[in-house]
């Protein structure tokens, strides 16, 4: 299983950044703090294009990649 983990210093920095960057959104800060402490299971990650197609969105057009 591939898992991305953070050492203690990285965890502390991620927690501080989550609190500082998202003071008005405690739910988002909580999610980021959890990622810092628990890491990320890379085996559970899915490709963005697969997610788009599952939700009925058209495939991304290469010409529109830089468009927000």
Protein backbone atom coordinates (compact mmCIF):
# COMPACT_ATOMS: atom_id res chain seq x y z
CA UNK A 1 0.00 0.00 0.00
CA UNK A 2 1.36 3.42 -0.95
CA UNK A 3 0.84 5.99 1.78
CA UNK A 4 2.08 9.57 1.96
CA UNK A 5 2.99 10.47 5.54
CA UNK A 6 4.39 13.61 7.12
CA UNK A 7 7.03 13.87 9.83
CA UNK A 8 6.24 15.78 13.04
CA UNK A 9 7.62 19.11 11.78
CA UNK A 10 5.66 18.82 8.53
CA UNK A 11 2.50 17.93 10.46
CA UNK A 12 2.92 20.99 12.68
CA UNK A 13 3.48 23.26 9.66
CA UNK A 14 0.44 21.85 7.84
CA UNK A 15 -1.77 22.32 10.90
CA UNK A 16 -0.60 25.89 11.41
CA UNK A 17 -1.12 26.68 7.72
CA UNK A 18 -4.61 25.16 7.77
CA UNK A 19 -5.62 27.30 10.75
CA UNK A 20 -4.06 30.45 9.32
CA UNK A 21 -5.36 30.09 5.76
CA UNK A 22 -8.90 28.97 6.58
CA UNK A 23 -9.98 30.80 9.77
CA UNK A 24 -13.52 31.26 8.42
CA UNK A 25 -13.90 27.62 7.40
CA UNK A 26 -13.18 25.33 10.36
CA UNK A 27 -14.42 22.26 8.46
CA UNK A 28 -11.77 22.69 5.76
CA UNK A 29 -9.09 23.37 8.36
CA UNK A 30 -10.17 20.16 10.17
CA UNK A 31 -9.86 18.10 6.98
CA UNK A 32 -6.39 19.48 6.28
CA UNK A 33 -5.31 18.85 9.86
CA UNK A 34 -6.52 15.24 9.56
CA UNK A 35 -4.53 14.80 6.34
CA UNK A 36 -1.47 16.10 8.16
CA UNK A 37 -1.85 13.63 11.02
CA UNK A 38 -3.11 10.57 9.12
CA UNK A 39 -1.35 10.97 5.79
CA UNK A 40 -2.84 10.14 2.41
CA UNK A 41 -3.54 6.65 1.05
CA UNK A 42 -2.31 6.98 -2.53
CA UNK A 43 -3.88 3.65 -3.50
CA UNK A 44 -7.30 5.18 -2.88
CA UNK A 45 -6.71 8.15 -5.19
CA UNK A 46 -8.58 8.36 -8.49
CA UNK A 47 -7.86 10.18 -11.70
CA UNK A 48 -9.71 13.49 -12.20
CA UNK A 49 -10.90 12.43 -15.65
CA UNK A 50 -12.46 9.26 -14.21
CA UNK A 51 -14.32 11.34 -11.62
CA UNK A 52 -15.54 13.76 -14.31
CA UNK A 53 -16.88 10.92 -16.47
CA UNK A 54 -18.55 9.18 -13.49
CA UNK A 55 -20.44 12.41 -12.79
CA UNK A 56 -21.60 12.81 -16.38
CA UNK A 57 -19.24 15.65 -17.26
CA UNK A 58 -17.68 15.71 -20.71
CA UNK A 59 -13.98 14.89 -21.09
CA UNK A 60 -11.74 17.89 -20.64
CA UNK A 61 -10.74 19.64 -23.85
CA UNK A 62 -6.96 20.08 -24.08
CA UNK A 63 -7.46 23.62 -25.38
CA UNK A 64 -9.42 24.64 -22.26
CA UNK A 65 -6.83 23.53 -19.70
CA UNK A 66 -5.67 27.04 -18.83
CA UNK A 67 -9.21 28.38 -18.50
CA UNK A 68 -10.69 28.83 -15.03
